[in-house]
Amino acid sequence: MVNNITHDEKEKSSMANSKLKKVVGARRIRICELAKRVGVNVSRMSRFVNGWEVPPKVRRQKIARV
């Protein structure tokens, strides 16, 4: 599957992932704890936090609630 995202979408997702990384650091929550509470494995959560993968809308909503 090819992920065709525009430059603007890529920039927005990069900003969102950078915010996620800051919040995780500020809240002092471990990635493994966040992953457990959101319902994904640690590897995937790490990809979300480090900006290698954009979480789907449902996951973003769960992350925001946590």
N, C-alpha and C. Protein backbone atom coordinates (compact mmCIF):
# COMPACT_ATOMS: atom_id res chain seq x y z
N MET A 1 0.84 -1.18 0.00
CA MET A 1 0.00 0.00 0.00
C MET A 1 0.89 1.24 0.00
N VAL A 2 0.57 2.18 -0.84
CA VAL A 2 1.34 3.41 -0.94
C VAL A 2 0.64 4.49 -0.13
N ASN A 3 1.40 5.19 0.68
CA ASN A 3 0.84 6.25 1.50
C ASN A 3 1.07 7.58 0.79
N ASN A 4 0.05 8.06 0.08
CA ASN A 4 0.14 9.32 -0.66
C ASN A 4 -0.39 10.45 0.20
N ILE A 5 0.51 11.14 0.89
CA ILE A 5 0.07 12.29 1.69
C ILE A 5 0.72 13.54 1.13
N THR A 6 0.02 14.63 1.23
CA THR A 6 0.53 15.89 0.70
C THR A 6 1.58 16.46 1.64
N HIS A 7 2.28 17.45 1.16
CA HIS A 7 3.30 18.12 1.97
C HIS A 7 2.66 18.74 3.21
N ASP A 8 1.49 19.36 3.05
CA ASP A 8 0.79 19.98 4.19
C ASP A 8 0.39 18.95 5.23
N GLU A 9 -0.12 17.80 4.77
CA GLU A 9 -0.51 16.74 5.70
C GLU A 9 0.71 16.22 6.45
N LYS A 10 1.82 16.09 5.74
CA LYS A 10 3.04 15.59 6.36
C LYS A 10 3.53 16.59 7.41
N GLU A 11 3.44 17.88 7.10
CA GLU A 11 3.86 18.91 8.04
C GLU A 11 2.96 18.91 9.28
N LYS A 12 1.66 18.79 9.08
CA LYS A 12 0.72 18.74 10.20
C LYS A 12 0.97 17.53 11.08
N SER A 13 1.20 16.38 10.47
CA SER A 13 1.44 15.16 11.25
C SER A 13 2.75 15.27 12.01
N SER A 14 3.73 15.91 11.41
CA SER A 14 5.02 16.11 12.08
C SER A 14 4.85 16.98 13.32
N MET A 15 4.05 18.05 13.19
CA MET A 15 3.80 18.93 14.33
C MET A 15 3.04 18.19 15.42
N ALA A 16 2.06 17.38 15.02
CA ALA A 16 1.27 16.63 16.00
C ALA A 16 2.15 15.63 16.73
N ASN A 17 3.03 14.94 16.00
CA ASN A 17 3.91 13.97 16.64
C ASN A 17 4.90 14.64 17.57
N SER A 18 5.37 15.83 17.19
CA SER A 18 6.28 16.56 18.06
C SER A 18 5.57 16.97 19.34
N LYS A 19 4.29 17.38 19.23
CA LYS A 19 3.51 17.72 20.41
C LYS A 19 3.31 16.48 21.28
N LEU A 20 3.03 15.36 20.66
CA LEU A 20 2.83 14.11 21.39
C LEU A 20 4.09 13.76 22.18
N LYS A 21 5.23 13.91 21.55
CA LYS A 21 6.49 13.59 22.22
C LYS A 21 6.70 14.51 23.43
N LYS A 22 6.38 15.79 23.28
CA LYS A 22 6.53 16.73 24.39
C LYS A 22 5.58 16.40 25.54
N VAL A 23 4.35 16.05 25.20
CA VAL A 23 3.36 15.73 26.24
C VAL A 23 3.77 14.47 26.98
N VAL A 24 4.23 13.47 26.26
CA VAL A 24 4.67 12.23 26.90
C VAL A 24 5.81 12.53 27.87
N GLY A 25 6.73 13.39 27.46
CA GLY A 25 7.84 13.77 28.34
C GLY A 25 7.38 14.58 29.54
N ALA A 26 6.49 15.54 29.29
CA ALA A 26 6.02 16.42 30.36
C ALA A 26 5.17 15.67 31.37
N ARG A 27 4.37 14.74 30.91
CA ARG A 27 3.49 13.97 31.80
C ARG A 27 4.24 12.83 32.49
N ARG A 28 5.46 12.62 32.05
CA ARG A 28 6.30 11.55 32.59
C ARG A 28 5.60 10.19 32.54
N ILE A 29 4.93 9.98 31.42
CA ILE A 29 4.29 8.68 31.20
C ILE A 29 5.21 7.88 30.29
N ARG A 30 5.38 6.65 30.62
CA ARG A 30 6.22 5.79 29.79
C ARG A 30 5.46 5.37 28.54
N ILE A 31 6.20 5.20 27.47
CA ILE A 31 5.59 4.79 26.22
C ILE A 31 4.86 3.46 26.40
N CYS A 32 5.43 2.56 27.19
CA CYS A 32 4.79 1.25 27.39
C CYS A 32 3.45 1.41 28.11
N GLU A 33 3.36 2.34 29.06
CA GLU A 33 2.10 2.58 29.77
C GLU A 33 1.07 3.21 28.84
N LEU A 34 1.50 4.18 28.05
CA LEU A 34 0.60 4.83 27.09
C LEU A 34 0.09 3.81 26.08
N ALA A 35 0.98 2.97 25.59
CA ALA A 35 0.60 1.94 24.61
C ALA A 35 -0.46 1.01 25.20
N LYS A 36 -0.25 0.60 26.43
CA LYS A 36 -1.20 -0.30 27.10
C LYS A 36 -2.57 0.36 27.22
N ARG A 37 -2.58 1.63 27.63
CA ARG A 37 -3.84 2.33 27.84
C ARG A 37 -4.57 2.65 26.55
N VAL A 38 -3.81 2.79 25.45
CA VAL A 38 -4.40 3.11 24.15
C VAL A 38 -4.78 1.83 23.40
N GLY A 39 -4.13 0.72 23.73
CA GLY A 39 -4.45 -0.54 23.08
C GLY A 39 -3.62 -0.88 21.87
N VAL A 40 -2.36 -0.43 21.87
CA VAL A 40 -1.43 -0.79 20.79
C VAL A 40 -0.17 -1.36 21.43
N ASN A 41 0.66 -2.01 20.62
CA ASN A 41 1.90 -2.53 21.19
C ASN A 41 2.92 -1.40 21.34
N VAL A 42 3.92 -1.64 22.13
CA VAL A 42 4.93 -0.62 22.46
C VAL A 42 5.65 -0.14 21.21
N SER A 43 5.95 -1.05 20.32
CA SER A 43 6.67 -0.69 19.09
C SER A 43 5.87 0.32 18.27
N ARG A 44 4.58 0.07 18.16
CA ARG A 44 3.75 0.98 17.37
C ARG A 44 3.63 2.34 18.05
N MET A 45 3.46 2.35 19.37
CA MET A 45 3.37 3.61 20.09
C MET A 45 4.66 4.40 19.93
N SER A 46 5.78 3.72 19.96
CA SER A 46 7.07 4.37 19.77
C SER A 46 7.12 5.04 18.40
N ARG A 47 6.59 4.36 17.38
CA ARG A 47 6.57 4.95 16.04
C ARG A 47 5.69 6.20 16.01
N PHE A 48 4.57 6.17 16.74
CA PHE A 48 3.70 7.35 16.82
C PHE A 48 4.44 8.51 17.47
N VAL A 49 5.04 8.24 18.62
CA VAL A 49 5.70 9.30 19.41
C VAL A 49 6.90 9.88 18.67
N ASN A 50 7.63 9.04 17.98
CA ASN A 50 8.84 9.50 17.29
C ASN A 50 8.58 10.02 15.88
N GLY A 51 7.32 10.02 15.45
CA GLY A 51 6.98 10.60 14.16
C GLY A 51 7.21 9.72 12.96
N TRP A 52 7.43 8.44 13.16
CA TRP A 52 7.65 7.54 12.03
C TRP A 52 6.34 7.04 11.45
N GLU A 53 5.27 7.18 12.23
CA GLU A 53 3.96 6.73 11.77
C GLU A 53 2.91 7.68 12.34
N VAL A 54 1.91 7.98 11.55
CA VAL A 54 0.81 8.84 12.01
C VAL A 54 -0.29 7.93 12.55
N PRO A 55 -0.69 8.15 13.80
CA PRO A 55 -1.75 7.30 14.35
C PRO A 55 -3.09 7.57 13.65
N PRO A 56 -3.87 6.51 13.44
CA PRO A 56 -5.20 6.73 12.87
C PRO A 56 -6.07 7.57 13.81
N LYS A 57 -7.13 8.13 13.29
CA LYS A 57 -7.99 9.04 14.05
C LYS A 57 -8.45 8.43 15.38
N VAL A 58 -8.87 7.18 15.35
CA VAL A 58 -9.35 6.52 16.57
C VAL A 58 -8.25 6.47 17.63
N ARG A 59 -7.03 6.16 17.22
CA ARG A 59 -5.91 6.11 18.15
C ARG A 59 -5.57 7.50 18.68
N ARG A 60 -5.61 8.50 17.80
CA ARG A 60 -5.34 9.87 18.24
C ARG A 60 -6.33 10.29 19.32
N GLN A 61 -7.58 9.91 19.14
CA GLN A 61 -8.60 10.25 20.12
C GLN A 61 -8.32 9.55 21.46
N LYS A 62 -7.92 8.30 21.41
CA LYS A 62 -7.61 7.56 22.64
C LYS A 62 -6.39 8.17 23.34
N ILE A 63 -5.39 8.52 22.54
CA ILE A 63 -4.18 9.13 23.10
C ILE A 63 -4.54 10.44 23.77
N ALA A 64 -5.39 11.23 23.14
CA ALA A 64 -5.80 12.52 23.71
C ALA A 64 -6.53 12.33 25.03
N ARG A 65 -7.34 11.29 25.15
CA ARG A 65 -8.06 11.04 26.40
C ARG A 65 -7.12 10.64 27.52
N VAL A 66 -6.10 9.87 27.17
CA VAL A 66 -5.11 9.44 28.19
C VAL A 66 -4.32 10.64 28.63
